[in-house]
């Protein structure tokens, strides 16, 4: 599980690094917070891998990892105020 605080819209982002298996599926589910943020997965080098908005699918994000030892999780707020977040993470 990852938790922390997302800054208000336009004031930056919460950034977390997640070690991953080299191959397999990583599943992320919002815990408590179901809207008001956007989650972006990037490679350690900063390349965009996936963009997830809970408005499109509020249940979960499944991402297949292939040879990436780490993912960078970037959370930005769509609200005018900051708020806490919690992500439930499953990995092989």
N, C-alpha and C. Protein backbone atom coordinates (compact mmCIF):
# COMPACT_ATOMS: atom_id res chain seq x y z
N UNK A 1 0.85 -1.18 0.00
CA UNK A 1 0.00 0.00 0.00
C UNK A 1 0.89 1.24 0.00
N UNK A 2 0.50 2.22 -0.77
CA UNK A 2 1.15 3.53 -0.78
C UNK A 2 0.15 4.55 -0.25
N UNK A 3 0.63 5.47 0.55
CA UNK A 3 -0.26 6.53 1.02
C UNK A 3 0.54 7.81 1.18
N UNK A 4 -0.17 8.91 1.18
CA UNK A 4 0.47 10.21 1.30
C UNK A 4 -0.53 11.31 1.06
N UNK A 5 -0.03 12.43 0.58
CA UNK A 5 -0.89 13.59 0.34
C UNK A 5 -0.63 14.13 -1.06
N UNK A 6 -1.71 14.38 -1.79
CA UNK A 6 -1.64 14.97 -3.12
C UNK A 6 -1.78 16.48 -2.96
N UNK A 7 -0.82 17.28 -3.47
CA UNK A 7 -0.95 18.73 -3.39
C UNK A 7 -2.14 19.23 -4.22
N UNK A 8 -2.59 20.44 -3.94
CA UNK A 8 -3.69 21.04 -4.68
C UNK A 8 -3.35 21.15 -6.16
N UNK A 9 -4.38 21.23 -6.99
CA UNK A 9 -4.21 21.36 -8.44
C UNK A 9 -3.28 22.53 -8.75
N UNK A 10 -2.29 22.26 -9.59
CA UNK A 10 -1.36 23.30 -10.00
C UNK A 10 -0.20 23.51 -9.05
N UNK A 11 -0.14 22.79 -7.94
CA UNK A 11 0.93 22.97 -6.95
C UNK A 11 1.90 21.80 -6.92
N UNK A 12 1.93 21.00 -7.95
CA UNK A 12 2.86 19.88 -8.00
C UNK A 12 2.15 18.55 -7.94
N UNK A 13 2.89 17.52 -7.56
CA UNK A 13 2.36 16.16 -7.57
C UNK A 13 2.99 15.36 -6.45
N UNK A 14 2.31 14.29 -6.08
CA UNK A 14 2.88 13.31 -5.16
C UNK A 14 3.57 12.27 -6.04
N UNK A 15 4.84 11.99 -5.76
CA UNK A 15 5.62 11.05 -6.57
C UNK A 15 6.12 9.94 -5.66
N UNK A 16 5.88 8.71 -6.06
CA UNK A 16 6.32 7.53 -5.33
C UNK A 16 7.01 6.58 -6.30
N UNK A 17 8.00 5.85 -5.82
CA UNK A 17 8.67 4.83 -6.62
C UNK A 17 8.26 3.46 -6.12
N UNK A 18 7.92 2.58 -7.04
CA UNK A 18 7.44 1.26 -6.70
C UNK A 18 8.35 0.21 -7.33
N UNK A 19 9.06 -0.58 -6.49
CA UNK A 19 9.81 -1.69 -7.07
C UNK A 19 8.84 -2.73 -7.60
N UNK A 20 9.15 -3.31 -8.74
CA UNK A 20 8.25 -4.27 -9.37
C UNK A 20 9.02 -5.53 -9.74
N UNK A 21 8.29 -6.63 -9.94
CA UNK A 21 8.94 -7.80 -10.52
C UNK A 21 9.29 -7.45 -11.97
N UNK A 22 10.24 -8.11 -12.56
CA UNK A 22 10.62 -7.78 -13.93
C UNK A 22 9.51 -8.10 -14.92
N UNK A 23 8.68 -9.08 -14.62
CA UNK A 23 7.57 -9.44 -15.49
C UNK A 23 6.36 -9.77 -14.64
N UNK A 24 5.18 -9.40 -15.12
CA UNK A 24 3.94 -9.71 -14.41
C UNK A 24 2.99 -8.53 -14.45
N UNK A 25 1.87 -8.65 -13.75
CA UNK A 25 0.85 -7.61 -13.72
C UNK A 25 0.81 -6.95 -12.35
N UNK A 26 0.85 -5.63 -12.36
CA UNK A 26 0.71 -4.85 -11.13
C UNK A 26 -0.70 -4.25 -11.16
N UNK A 27 -1.44 -4.43 -10.07
CA UNK A 27 -2.80 -3.91 -9.96
C UNK A 27 -2.82 -2.83 -8.89
N UNK A 28 -3.41 -1.69 -9.21
CA UNK A 28 -3.54 -0.59 -8.25
C UNK A 28 -5.00 -0.23 -8.12
N UNK A 29 -5.45 -0.11 -6.88
CA UNK A 29 -6.84 0.28 -6.58
C UNK A 29 -6.82 1.44 -5.62
N UNK A 30 -7.66 2.44 -5.87
CA UNK A 30 -7.76 3.53 -4.90
C UNK A 30 -8.40 3.01 -3.62
N UNK A 31 -7.83 3.37 -2.48
CA UNK A 31 -8.39 3.00 -1.19
C UNK A 31 -8.95 4.26 -0.53
N UNK A 32 -10.24 4.36 -0.46
CA UNK A 32 -10.86 5.54 0.13
C UNK A 32 -11.10 6.64 -0.88
N UNK A 33 -10.07 7.13 -1.52
CA UNK A 33 -10.18 8.21 -2.49
C UNK A 33 -10.57 7.63 -3.84
N UNK A 34 -11.72 7.96 -4.34
CA UNK A 34 -12.21 7.38 -5.59
C UNK A 34 -12.22 8.37 -6.75
N UNK A 35 -12.06 9.66 -6.49
CA UNK A 35 -12.03 10.65 -7.56
C UNK A 35 -11.26 11.87 -7.07
N UNK A 36 -11.04 12.80 -7.97
CA UNK A 36 -10.31 14.01 -7.60
C UNK A 36 -8.82 13.94 -7.83
N UNK A 37 -8.37 12.93 -8.57
CA UNK A 37 -6.95 12.83 -8.86
C UNK A 37 -6.73 12.13 -10.20
N UNK A 38 -5.52 12.24 -10.71
CA UNK A 38 -5.11 11.51 -11.90
C UNK A 38 -3.82 10.79 -11.55
N UNK A 39 -3.71 9.54 -11.95
CA UNK A 39 -2.53 8.73 -11.68
C UNK A 39 -1.79 8.50 -12.98
N UNK A 40 -0.50 8.77 -12.97
CA UNK A 40 0.33 8.59 -14.16
C UNK A 40 1.46 7.64 -13.81
N UNK A 41 1.65 6.62 -14.63
CA UNK A 41 2.78 5.71 -14.47
C UNK A 41 3.87 6.12 -15.43
N UNK A 42 5.07 6.24 -14.92
CA UNK A 42 6.22 6.58 -15.75
C UNK A 42 7.34 5.58 -15.48
N UNK A 43 8.20 5.44 -16.46
CA UNK A 43 9.40 4.63 -16.24
C UNK A 43 10.32 5.42 -15.31
N UNK A 44 11.33 4.77 -14.83
CA UNK A 44 12.27 5.47 -13.94
C UNK A 44 12.93 6.65 -14.67
N UNK A 45 13.07 6.52 -15.98
CA UNK A 45 13.66 7.60 -16.79
C UNK A 45 12.66 8.71 -17.10
N UNK A 46 11.39 8.52 -16.75
CA UNK A 46 10.39 9.56 -16.96
C UNK A 46 9.47 9.35 -18.15
N UNK A 47 9.65 8.26 -18.90
CA UNK A 47 8.80 8.00 -20.07
C UNK A 47 7.39 7.64 -19.61
N UNK A 48 6.38 8.24 -20.26
CA UNK A 48 4.97 7.97 -19.93
C UNK A 48 4.63 6.53 -20.32
N UNK A 49 4.12 5.77 -19.34
CA UNK A 49 3.71 4.39 -19.59
C UNK A 49 2.20 4.25 -19.63
N UNK A 50 1.51 4.95 -18.73
CA UNK A 50 0.05 4.84 -18.67
C UNK A 50 -0.52 6.01 -17.88
N UNK A 51 -1.69 6.48 -18.31
CA UNK A 51 -2.40 7.55 -17.60
C UNK A 51 -3.75 6.98 -17.17
N UNK A 52 -4.12 7.20 -15.90
CA UNK A 52 -5.33 6.62 -15.34
C UNK A 52 -6.13 7.70 -14.63
N UNK A 53 -7.39 7.83 -15.01
CA UNK A 53 -8.30 8.74 -14.33
C UNK A 53 -9.44 7.91 -13.77
N UNK A 54 -9.69 7.98 -12.47
CA UNK A 54 -10.74 7.15 -11.90
C UNK A 54 -12.14 7.48 -12.42
N UNK A 55 -12.30 8.62 -13.09
CA UNK A 55 -13.60 8.91 -13.69
C UNK A 55 -13.89 7.94 -14.83
N UNK A 56 -12.84 7.54 -15.54
CA UNK A 56 -13.01 6.60 -16.65
C UNK A 56 -13.25 5.17 -16.15
N UNK A 57 -12.53 4.74 -15.14
CA UNK A 57 -12.71 3.41 -14.56
C UNK A 57 -12.31 3.48 -13.09
N UNK A 58 -13.26 3.69 -12.20
CA UNK A 58 -12.95 3.93 -10.80
C UNK A 58 -12.48 2.71 -10.02
N UNK A 59 -12.55 1.53 -10.61
CA UNK A 59 -12.24 0.33 -9.83
C UNK A 59 -10.76 0.06 -9.67
N UNK A 60 -10.01 -0.07 -10.78
CA UNK A 60 -8.61 -0.39 -10.64
C UNK A 60 -7.84 -0.15 -11.93
N UNK A 61 -6.53 -0.16 -11.80
CA UNK A 61 -5.62 -0.06 -12.93
C UNK A 61 -4.77 -1.31 -12.93
N UNK A 62 -4.78 -2.05 -14.03
CA UNK A 62 -3.90 -3.20 -14.21
C UNK A 62 -2.84 -2.82 -15.23
N UNK A 63 -1.57 -3.01 -14.86
CA UNK A 63 -0.48 -2.66 -15.76
C UNK A 63 0.47 -3.84 -15.86
N UNK A 64 0.77 -4.26 -17.08
CA UNK A 64 1.68 -5.37 -17.30
C UNK A 64 3.11 -4.85 -17.35
N UNK A 65 3.92 -5.34 -16.44
CA UNK A 65 5.33 -4.96 -16.34
C UNK A 65 6.15 -5.93 -17.18
N UNK A 66 7.04 -5.40 -17.98
CA UNK A 66 7.91 -6.25 -18.80
C UNK A 66 9.33 -5.68 -18.76
N UNK A 67 10.13 -6.22 -17.87
CA UNK A 67 11.54 -5.82 -17.78
C UNK A 67 11.80 -4.51 -17.07
N UNK A 68 10.82 -3.96 -16.36
CA UNK A 68 11.01 -2.70 -15.64
C UNK A 68 11.12 -2.99 -14.14
N UNK A 69 12.28 -2.72 -13.54
CA UNK A 69 12.44 -3.01 -12.12
C UNK A 69 11.73 -2.01 -11.20
N UNK A 70 11.38 -0.83 -11.73
CA UNK A 70 10.71 0.20 -10.92
C UNK A 70 9.69 0.94 -11.77
N UNK A 71 8.63 1.39 -11.13
CA UNK A 71 7.68 2.30 -11.75
C UNK A 71 7.65 3.58 -10.94
N UNK A 72 7.50 4.68 -11.60
CA UNK A 72 7.31 5.96 -10.91
C UNK A 72 5.83 6.29 -10.98
N UNK A 73 5.21 6.43 -9.83
CA UNK A 73 3.79 6.74 -9.73
C UNK A 73 3.66 8.23 -9.43
N UNK A 74 2.96 8.95 -10.30
CA UNK A 74 2.77 10.39 -10.15
C UNK A 74 1.28 10.64 -9.97
N UNK A 75 0.91 11.24 -8.85
CA UNK A 75 -0.49 11.56 -8.57
C UNK A 75 -0.66 13.07 -8.58
N UNK A 76 -1.59 13.55 -9.40
CA UNK A 76 -1.90 14.98 -9.41
C UNK A 76 -3.37 15.16 -9.05
N UNK A 77 -3.67 16.27 -8.42
CA UNK A 77 -5.03 16.54 -7.98
C UNK A 77 -5.81 17.28 -9.06
N UNK A 78 -7.10 16.99 -9.14
CA UNK A 78 -7.99 17.75 -10.01
C UNK A 78 -8.84 18.70 -9.17
N UNK A 79 -8.52 18.79 -7.89
CA UNK A 79 -9.26 19.65 -6.96
C UNK A 79 -8.44 20.88 -6.60
N UNK A 80 -9.12 21.89 -6.11
CA UNK A 80 -8.44 23.13 -5.74
C UNK A 80 -7.72 23.02 -4.40
N UNK A 81 -7.99 21.96 -3.65
CA UNK A 81 -7.30 21.74 -2.38
C UNK A 81 -6.60 20.39 -2.40
N UNK A 82 -5.51 20.28 -1.63
CA UNK A 82 -4.82 19.01 -1.50
C UNK A 82 -5.64 18.04 -0.68
N UNK A 83 -5.30 16.75 -0.78
CA UNK A 83 -6.04 15.74 -0.03
C UNK A 83 -5.19 14.48 0.09
N UNK A 84 -5.48 13.64 1.07
CA UNK A 84 -4.72 12.40 1.24
C UNK A 84 -5.09 11.38 0.16
N UNK A 85 -4.16 10.46 -0.09
CA UNK A 85 -4.46 9.36 -1.00
C UNK A 85 -3.99 8.05 -0.37
N UNK A 86 -4.57 6.97 -0.86
CA UNK A 86 -4.14 5.63 -0.48
C UNK A 86 -4.33 4.73 -1.70
N UNK A 87 -3.28 4.02 -2.10
CA UNK A 87 -3.35 3.09 -3.22
C UNK A 87 -3.05 1.70 -2.70
N UNK A 88 -3.94 0.78 -2.98
CA UNK A 88 -3.72 -0.63 -2.66
C UNK A 88 -3.05 -1.27 -3.85
N UNK A 89 -1.91 -1.92 -3.64
CA UNK A 89 -1.12 -2.43 -4.75
C UNK A 89 -0.93 -3.93 -4.60
N UNK A 90 -1.15 -4.65 -5.69
CA UNK A 90 -0.89 -6.08 -5.75
C UNK A 90 0.14 -6.30 -6.85
N UNK A 91 1.15 -7.09 -6.52
CA UNK A 91 2.14 -7.45 -7.54
C UNK A 91 2.51 -8.92 -7.39
N UNK A 92 2.93 -9.53 -8.45
CA UNK A 92 3.25 -10.98 -8.39
C UNK A 92 4.44 -11.27 -7.49
